[in-house]
Amino acid sequence: MAVRGVQAQPNLYDATSSDPSEDGEGGQGSSQSSADEGDSLLPREERHKKAMAIRKLRHAVVVVATILVGMAWLMYFEGWDWCESLYVITQVITTIGYGDMPPHRDCSRMFLAFYALLILVLVAFFLNNFIQGLMDSHADAIRSRLRDMQKDAMTNFNPDIALDDSAVKSLFGRYNKLIVSTIFFAACIVFGTLYYPWEEGCTCSYGELLVENCTAETACEDGYTLNHAQAFYMSVITLTTVGFGDYSPKTFLGRMIGIVWMFIGVLAAAGWMEAIQEVFFKNAEERKFQEAEMMNQGVFDQIDSDGDGYLSKSEWIHYCVLKQRLVDNEVLEAIGQLYDRIDNDRSKSLTLAEISQYQSTHALDIRSKSQKRLEKAKKLCVVM
């Protein structure tokens, strides 16, 4: 199948052109023209960068303003300090929801209900993109280093193999992404497992969760305790956003560190799970494609729609698309029938005039049917 359009115009800037203006002063004019064109593109790129910077600044303002509004509400109506308020807002944004500091007033409950909807749609998107961008910049550097190591290993194993970065990326790209995301996620878990027992092994907490009659000397008996096993459990439950709430940051410093830790860790967990799914999905797709390459004479004859003993590119694509279940056979048949309806002269190729004629006729049919429905509705209204 081919689509014939407007006849291609000659390239006025073709290097093989015999235009005499390319020689002598004409060549200088062309060079000057190219230089001017390059200069004209530079301001456009700068304007684009400036527009992107302004857009990011607006997003940052929206995020900060929304977080400050939530903090101000909780500080005023719940009586929490700024750290406790920001700690609870962070749980809302990351959807962790420990439940260790729920609101006590109905007005705050109603506020947080609508605030959570706003956060999920607006702030979480902007903030996640910002943090994900920071993580991706470091991840790209690690993946680049991994590709260099893999290329050196392949070359040492077989000196006759010449691999460039694109070939290495094609071979190991999905696994490198999984390795890097695993490193980030594991680092977040290890940090929580080591830091929180050191910071909050024995604490009386403060503010809303302060244990009465608890002192620094009796914190291990009367207050909250946390060992490394419990910290590992808290880290996994937190970063996977399960958030049971039986263990959570209790001290002022622990919550301040936890606010950053939760943002980064939740995104690291999401990236790790996405990388795992990508590896399994791509491997499954490759197996399906390899199965698509194995066929017998009966299958070959079924694909060879014109019966010429050869598979055209379109016939092969048709087979692979069906084999991998990307499109149902009924959909492809409907597309083929549509092609036949447009091809009025049965030339097995389409012109722009034929496509335009079909679109105009189809639009008229739609308007005609709409008019008939409208007239029928008017008659029903008159009868009623």
Protein backbone atom coordinates (compact mmCIF):
# COMPACT_ATOMS: atom_id res chain seq x y z
CA MET A 1 0.00 0.00 0.00
CA ALA A 2 1.32 3.42 -0.91
CA VAL A 3 0.06 6.93 -0.47
CA ARG A 4 0.77 9.38 -3.27
CA GLY A 5 0.84 13.02 -2.23
CA VAL A 6 2.08 16.29 -3.66
CA GLN A 7 5.08 16.00 -5.94
CA ALA A 8 8.33 16.69 -4.09
CA GLN A 9 9.89 20.08 -4.77
CA PRO A 10 13.57 20.36 -5.70
CA ASN A 11 15.94 21.10 -2.83
CA LEU A 12 17.19 24.64 -3.41
CA TYR A 13 20.07 24.06 -1.00
CA ASP A 14 21.20 20.71 -2.33
CA ALA A 15 24.97 20.33 -2.25
CA THR A 16 24.90 18.88 -5.80
CA SER A 17 23.08 21.90 -7.23
CA SER A 18 24.68 23.48 -10.31
CA ASP A 19 23.58 26.98 -9.29
CA PRO A 20 26.50 29.29 -10.12
CA SER A 21 25.77 31.34 -7.03
CA GLU A 22 27.41 28.56 -5.01
CA ASP A 23 30.83 29.59 -6.32
CA GLY A 24 32.76 32.69 -5.45
CA GLU A 25 30.72 35.42 -3.87
CA GLY A 26 27.63 33.23 -3.99
CA GLY A 27 29.32 30.75 -1.65
CA GLN A 28 30.14 33.53 0.76
CA GLY A 29 26.53 34.69 0.64
CA SER A 30 25.35 31.16 1.44
CA SER A 31 27.76 30.96 4.35
CA GLN A 32 26.61 34.32 5.62
CA SER A 33 23.00 33.15 5.28
CA SER A 34 23.74 30.02 7.32
CA ALA A 35 25.47 32.10 9.97
CA ASP A 36 22.50 34.46 10.16
CA GLU A 37 20.16 31.48 10.45
CA GLY A 38 22.26 30.09 13.32
CA ASP A 39 22.18 33.45 15.06
CA SER A 40 18.40 33.59 14.67
CA LEU A 41 18.06 30.15 16.28
CA LEU A 42 20.10 31.11 19.33
CA PRO A 43 17.60 33.63 20.72
CA ARG A 44 14.81 31.11 20.14
CA GLU A 45 16.62 28.53 22.26
CA GLU A 46 17.28 31.12 24.92
CA ARG A 47 13.63 32.13 24.91
CA HIS A 48 12.63 28.49 25.27
CA LYS A 49 14.99 28.01 28.22
CA LYS A 50 13.70 31.19 29.80
CA ALA A 51 10.10 30.08 29.34
CA MET A 52 10.89 26.69 30.90
CA ALA A 53 12.62 28.38 33.83
CA ILE A 54 9.62 30.66 34.39
CA ARG A 55 7.28 27.66 34.22
CA LYS A 56 9.35 25.76 36.79
CA LEU A 57 9.40 28.83 39.01
CA ARG A 58 5.61 29.07 38.83
CA HIS A 59 5.30 25.40 39.71
CA ALA A 60 7.64 25.89 42.66
CA VAL A 61 5.58 28.86 43.86
CA VAL A 62 2.38 26.80 43.63
CA VAL A 63 3.96 23.91 45.55
CA VAL A 64 5.41 26.10 48.29
CA ALA A 65 2.22 28.15 48.65
CA THR A 66 0.05 25.03 48.92
CA ILE A 67 2.33 23.47 51.53
CA LEU A 68 2.41 26.71 53.54
CA VAL A 69 -1.39 26.95 53.48
CA GLY A 70 -1.65 23.41 54.87
CA MET A 71 0.94 24.11 57.53
CA ALA A 72 -0.75 27.37 58.56
CA TRP A 73 -4.12 25.65 58.93
CA LEU A 74 -2.75 22.86 61.11
CA MET A 75 -0.70 25.25 63.21
CA TYR A 76 -3.72 27.48 63.86
CA PHE A 77 -6.54 24.96 64.29
CA GLU A 78 -4.61 21.98 65.72
CA GLY A 79 -2.05 23.93 67.73
CA TRP A 80 0.91 22.03 66.25
CA ASP A 81 4.29 23.63 65.65
CA TRP A 82 5.66 24.12 62.15
CA CYS A 83 7.68 20.90 62.16
CA GLU A 84 4.71 18.75 63.21
CA SER A 85 2.51 20.47 60.63
CA LEU A 86 5.04 19.99 57.83
CA TYR A 87 5.53 16.38 58.95
CA VAL A 88 1.80 15.66 58.56
CA ILE A 89 1.61 17.50 55.22
CA THR A 90 4.52 15.37 53.99
CA GLN A 91 2.57 12.24 54.88
CA VAL A 92 -0.35 13.55 52.82
CA ILE A 93 1.82 14.39 49.79
CA THR A 94 3.66 11.06 49.79
CA THR A 95 0.43 9.14 50.65
CA ILE A 96 2.29 7.39 53.50
CA GLY A 97 -0.34 8.25 56.09
CA TYR A 98 1.17 6.94 59.32
CA GLY A 99 -1.87 7.96 61.29
CA ASP A 100 0.28 8.82 64.31
CA MET A 101 -0.91 12.44 64.30
CA PRO A 102 -4.51 12.60 63.05
CA PRO A 103 -6.47 15.88 63.23
CA HIS A 104 -8.73 16.34 66.26
CA ARG A 105 -11.21 18.90 64.93
CA ASP A 106 -13.90 18.39 62.28
CA CYS A 107 -12.89 21.55 60.44
CA SER A 108 -9.35 20.17 60.07
CA ARG A 109 -10.70 16.81 58.94
CA MET A 110 -12.78 18.49 56.22
CA PHE A 111 -9.84 20.68 55.23
CA LEU A 112 -7.45 17.73 54.93
CA ALA A 113 -9.99 15.74 52.92
CA PHE A 114 -10.15 18.40 50.20
CA TYR A 115 -6.48 19.24 50.66
CA ALA A 116 -5.51 15.62 49.94
CA LEU A 117 -7.42 15.71 46.64
CA LEU A 118 -5.66 18.93 45.66
CA ILE A 119 -2.29 17.55 46.71
CA LEU A 120 -2.65 14.33 44.74
CA VAL A 121 -3.57 16.16 41.54
CA LEU A 122 -1.39 19.25 41.77
CA VAL A 123 1.45 19.48 44.23
CA ALA A 124 2.54 15.84 44.21
CA PHE A 125 2.95 15.97 40.41
CA PHE A 126 5.09 19.11 40.40
CA LEU A 127 7.13 18.12 43.42
CA ASN A 128 7.70 14.57 42.22
CA ASN A 129 8.92 15.85 38.85
CA PHE A 130 11.35 18.17 40.57
CA ILE A 131 12.80 15.50 42.88
CA GLN A 132 12.77 12.90 40.09
CA GLY A 133 14.80 15.28 37.92
CA LEU A 134 17.44 15.56 40.63
CA MET A 135 17.57 11.79 41.02
CA ASP A 136 17.70 11.18 37.26
CA SER A 137 20.74 13.44 36.88
CA HIS A 138 22.68 11.23 39.31
CA ALA A 139 21.19 8.04 37.87
CA ASP A 140 22.34 8.97 34.34
CA ALA A 141 25.90 9.37 35.59
CA ILE A 142 25.82 5.96 37.29
CA ARG A 143 24.28 4.29 34.23
CA SER A 144 26.95 5.87 32.01
CA ARG A 145 29.64 4.45 34.28
CA LEU A 146 27.98 1.02 34.17
CA ARG A 147 27.90 1.11 30.36
CA ASP A 148 31.61 1.89 30.26
CA MET A 149 32.36 -1.03 32.57
CA GLN A 150 30.16 -3.37 30.52
CA LYS A 151 31.76 -2.23 27.26
CA ASP A 152 35.24 -2.85 28.67
CA ALA A 153 34.20 -6.28 29.94
CA MET A 154 32.73 -7.28 26.57
CA THR A 155 35.82 -6.03 24.75
CA ASN A 156 38.15 -7.95 27.08
CA PHE A 157 36.06 -11.08 26.67
CA ASN A 158 36.07 -10.82 22.86
CA PRO A 159 38.45 -8.20 21.37
CA ASP A 160 36.83 -8.66 17.94
CA ILE A 161 33.56 -7.11 19.17
CA ALA A 162 33.25 -3.37 18.59
CA LEU A 163 30.50 -1.90 20.75
CA ASP A 164 29.41 1.70 20.95
CA ASP A 165 27.30 3.28 23.70
CA SER A 166 24.04 2.71 21.80
CA ALA A 167 24.77 -1.02 21.40
CA VAL A 168 25.66 -1.38 25.08
CA LYS A 169 22.54 0.54 26.05
CA SER A 170 20.42 -1.75 23.88
CA LEU A 171 21.91 -4.84 25.52
CA PHE A 172 22.06 -3.76 29.15
CA GLY A 173 19.90 -0.60 29.35
CA ARG A 174 16.94 -2.08 31.21
CA TYR A 175 19.22 -3.98 33.61
CA ASN A 176 21.30 -0.86 34.29
CA LYS A 177 18.12 1.01 35.15
CA LEU A 178 17.16 -1.77 37.54
CA ILE A 179 20.63 -1.77 39.12
CA VAL A 180 20.64 2.00 39.62
CA SER A 181 17.10 2.11 40.99
CA THR A 182 17.93 -0.77 43.34
CA ILE A 183 20.97 1.13 44.61
CA PHE A 184 18.90 4.25 45.31
CA PHE A 185 16.09 2.34 47.01
CA ALA A 186 18.46 0.18 49.05
CA ALA A 187 20.40 3.29 50.13
CA CYS A 188 17.19 4.88 51.42
CA ILE A 189 16.30 1.74 53.38
CA VAL A 190 19.82 1.40 54.80
CA PHE A 191 19.78 5.05 55.84
CA GLY A 192 16.51 4.65 57.74
CA THR A 193 17.68 1.37 59.29
CA LEU A 194 20.90 2.90 60.62
CA TYR A 195 19.92 6.48 61.36
CA TYR A 196 16.69 6.14 63.32
CA PRO A 197 17.91 3.68 65.97
CA TRP A 198 20.84 6.04 66.53
CA GLU A 199 18.64 9.15 66.72
CA GLU A 200 15.51 7.65 68.30
CA GLY A 201 16.65 4.49 70.06
CA CYS A 202 15.12 5.86 73.26
CA THR A 203 13.04 9.05 73.15
CA CYS A 204 10.16 10.73 74.92
CA SER A 205 9.18 12.45 71.64
CA TYR A 206 7.74 15.97 71.87
CA GLY A 207 4.68 18.04 71.09
CA GLU A 208 1.58 16.02 70.23
CA LEU A 209 3.21 12.65 70.97
CA LEU A 210 5.16 13.68 74.09
CA VAL A 211 5.07 10.96 76.75
CA GLU A 212 4.10 12.40 80.10
CA ASN A 213 6.43 11.90 83.07
CA CYS A 214 9.15 10.78 80.68
CA THR A 215 12.67 12.15 81.04
CA ALA A 216 15.93 11.59 79.19
CA GLU A 217 17.01 9.19 81.95
CA THR A 218 13.81 7.11 81.79
CA ALA A 219 13.21 7.32 78.03
CA CYS A 220 14.18 3.68 77.47
CA GLU A 221 11.64 2.53 80.07
CA ASP A 222 8.80 5.05 79.71
CA GLY A 223 9.26 6.41 76.18
CA TYR A 224 9.50 5.13 72.63
CA THR A 225 12.23 2.65 71.68
CA LEU A 226 13.49 1.56 68.28
CA ASN A 227 16.02 -1.14 67.40
CA HIS A 228 17.55 -1.92 64.00
CA ALA A 229 15.03 -4.64 63.10
CA GLN A 230 12.16 -2.29 63.88
CA ALA A 231 13.88 0.52 61.95
CA PHE A 232 14.26 -1.73 58.90
CA TYR A 233 10.60 -2.64 59.14
CA MET A 234 9.64 1.04 59.49
CA SER A 235 11.81 1.99 56.50
CA VAL A 236 10.26 -0.58 54.15
CA ILE A 237 6.70 0.10 55.32
CA THR A 238 7.25 3.84 55.00
CA LEU A 239 8.93 3.96 51.59
CA THR A 240 6.43 1.58 50.03
CA THR A 241 3.69 3.93 51.35
CA VAL A 242 2.02 1.13 53.34
CA GLY A 243 2.38 3.30 56.44
CA PHE A 244 1.01 1.19 59.28
CA GLY A 245 2.04 3.89 61.74
CA ASP A 246 3.17 1.61 64.57
CA TYR A 247 6.68 2.96 64.06
CA SER A 248 7.35 6.48 62.82
CA PRO A 249 9.80 9.37 63.42
CA LYS A 250 9.30 10.84 66.90
CA THR A 251 11.96 13.50 67.55
CA PHE A 252 12.18 16.98 66.06
CA LEU A 253 15.38 16.19 64.15
CA GLY A 254 14.08 12.76 63.15
CA ARG A 255 11.00 14.33 61.59
CA MET A 256 12.99 17.03 59.83
CA ILE A 257 15.28 14.40 58.32
CA GLY A 258 12.27 12.17 57.70
CA ILE A 259 10.50 14.79 55.60
CA VAL A 260 13.34 14.73 53.05
CA TRP A 261 13.86 10.98 53.46
CA MET A 262 10.20 10.20 52.78
CA PHE A 263 10.08 12.31 49.60
CA ILE A 264 13.23 10.79 48.13
CA GLY A 265 12.56 7.26 49.38
CA VAL A 266 9.01 7.04 48.04
CA LEU A 267 10.19 8.10 44.58
CA ALA A 268 13.11 5.67 44.78
CA ALA A 269 10.71 2.84 45.64
CA ALA A 270 8.44 3.79 42.74
CA GLY A 271 11.42 3.87 40.36
CA TRP A 272 12.61 0.49 41.59
CA MET A 273 9.21 -1.14 41.07
CA GLU A 274 8.91 0.46 37.64
CA ALA A 275 12.34 -0.88 36.64
CA ILE A 276 11.38 -4.40 37.75
CA GLN A 277 8.17 -4.27 35.75
CA GLU A 278 10.04 -2.94 32.71
CA VAL A 279 12.56 -5.80 32.80
CA PHE A 280 9.85 -8.47 33.03
CA PHE A 281 7.64 -6.73 30.46
CA LYS A 282 10.41 -6.30 27.89
CA ASN A 283 11.61 -9.86 28.38
CA ALA A 284 8.06 -11.10 27.83
CA GLU A 285 7.72 -8.93 24.70
CA GLU A 286 11.02 -10.26 23.34
CA ARG A 287 9.86 -13.83 23.89
CA LYS A 288 6.66 -13.05 22.01
CA PHE A 289 8.63 -11.54 19.14
CA GLN A 290 10.93 -14.55 18.96
CA GLU A 291 7.87 -16.78 18.82
CA ALA A 292 6.59 -14.62 15.99
CA GLU A 293 9.67 -15.55 13.95
CA MET A 294 8.83 -19.27 14.12
CA MET A 295 6.19 -20.37 11.65
CA ASN A 296 5.22 -23.21 9.35
CA GLN A 297 3.98 -23.33 5.77
CA GLY A 298 0.34 -23.03 6.79
CA VAL A 299 0.96 -19.88 8.78
CA PHE A 300 3.10 -18.46 5.98
CA ASP A 301 0.34 -19.03 3.41
CA GLN A 302 -2.17 -17.36 5.72
CA ILE A 303 0.02 -14.26 6.05
CA ASP A 304 0.77 -14.13 2.31
CA SER A 305 -2.50 -12.38 1.46
CA ASP A 306 -1.71 -11.91 -2.25
CA GLY A 307 -0.42 -15.49 -2.65
CA ASP A 308 2.78 -14.52 -4.46
CA GLY A 309 5.00 -16.71 -2.27
CA TYR A 310 6.70 -13.73 -0.66
CA LEU A 311 5.95 -11.67 2.44
CA SER A 312 5.91 -7.94 1.90
CA LYS A 313 6.88 -5.59 4.69
CA SER A 314 3.26 -4.72 5.38
CA GLU A 315 2.32 -8.43 5.54
CA TRP A 316 5.12 -9.15 8.00
CA ILE A 317 4.18 -6.16 10.19
CA HIS A 318 0.54 -7.33 10.07
CA TYR A 319 1.60 -10.76 11.33
CA CYS A 320 3.87 -9.45 14.12
CA VAL A 321 1.23 -7.02 15.35
CA LEU A 322 -1.32 -9.82 15.58
CA LYS A 323 1.13 -12.29 17.09
CA GLN A 324 2.07 -9.91 19.89
CA ARG A 325 -1.59 -9.03 20.43
CA LEU A 326 -0.96 -5.32 19.97
CA VAL A 327 -4.13 -5.00 17.88
CA ASP A 328 -7.08 -7.33 17.40
CA ASN A 329 -7.56 -8.90 13.98
CA GLU A 330 -11.00 -7.26 13.74
CA VAL A 331 -9.39 -3.83 14.06
CA LEU A 332 -6.90 -4.54 11.28
CA GLU A 333 -9.68 -5.87 9.07
CA ALA A 334 -11.70 -2.71 9.70
CA ILE A 335 -8.67 -0.60 8.74
CA GLY A 336 -8.28 -2.61 5.54
CA GLN A 337 -11.95 -2.17 4.70
CA LEU A 338 -11.66 1.57 5.25
CA TYR A 339 -8.67 1.63 2.87
CA ASP A 340 -10.71 -0.18 0.22
CA ARG A 341 -13.60 2.29 0.60
CA ILE A 342 -11.28 5.24 0.06
CA ASP A 343 -9.54 3.59 -2.91
CA ASN A 344 -12.23 4.38 -5.49
CA ASP A 345 -10.20 3.43 -8.59
CA ARG A 346 -8.97 0.15 -7.00
CA SER A 347 -5.37 1.08 -7.77
CA LYS A 348 -4.19 -0.23 -4.38
CA SER A 349 -2.77 3.20 -3.62
CA LEU A 350 -4.31 6.40 -2.30
CA THR A 351 -4.03 9.93 -3.54
CA LEU A 352 -4.58 13.04 -1.49
CA ALA A 353 -7.65 13.80 -3.61
CA GLU A 354 -9.22 10.44 -2.74
CA ILE A 355 -8.59 10.92 0.98
CA SER A 356 -10.00 14.46 0.89
CA GLN A 357 -13.05 13.30 -1.05
CA TYR A 358 -13.76 10.56 1.47
CA GLN A 359 -13.36 12.95 4.41
CA SER A 360 -15.76 15.45 2.81
CA THR A 361 -18.32 12.75 2.00
CA HIS A 362 -18.01 11.26 5.49
CA ALA A 363 -18.49 14.67 7.09
CA LEU A 364 -21.62 15.24 4.94
CA ASP A 365 -23.00 11.85 5.98
CA ILE A 366 -22.48 12.70 9.64
CA ARG A 367 -24.21 16.07 9.24
CA SER A 368 -27.07 14.41 7.36
CA LYS A 369 -27.57 11.81 10.08
CA SER A 370 -27.42 14.50 12.78
CA GLN A 371 -30.03 16.54 10.92
CA LYS A 372 -32.31 13.51 10.66
CA ARG A 373 -31.97 12.83 14.40
CA LEU A 374 -32.76 16.46 15.14
CA GLU A 375 -35.87 16.39 12.95
CA LYS A 376 -37.00 13.15 14.58
CA ALA A 377 -36.54 14.70 18.04
CA LYS A 378 -38.58 17.74 16.99
CA LYS A 379 -41.43 15.49 15.81
CA LEU A 380 -41.39 13.63 19.12
CA CYS A 381 -41.56 16.92 21.01
CA VAL A 382 -44.56 18.02 18.93
CA VAL A 383 -46.36 14.74 19.58
CA MET A 384 -45.74 15.02 23.33
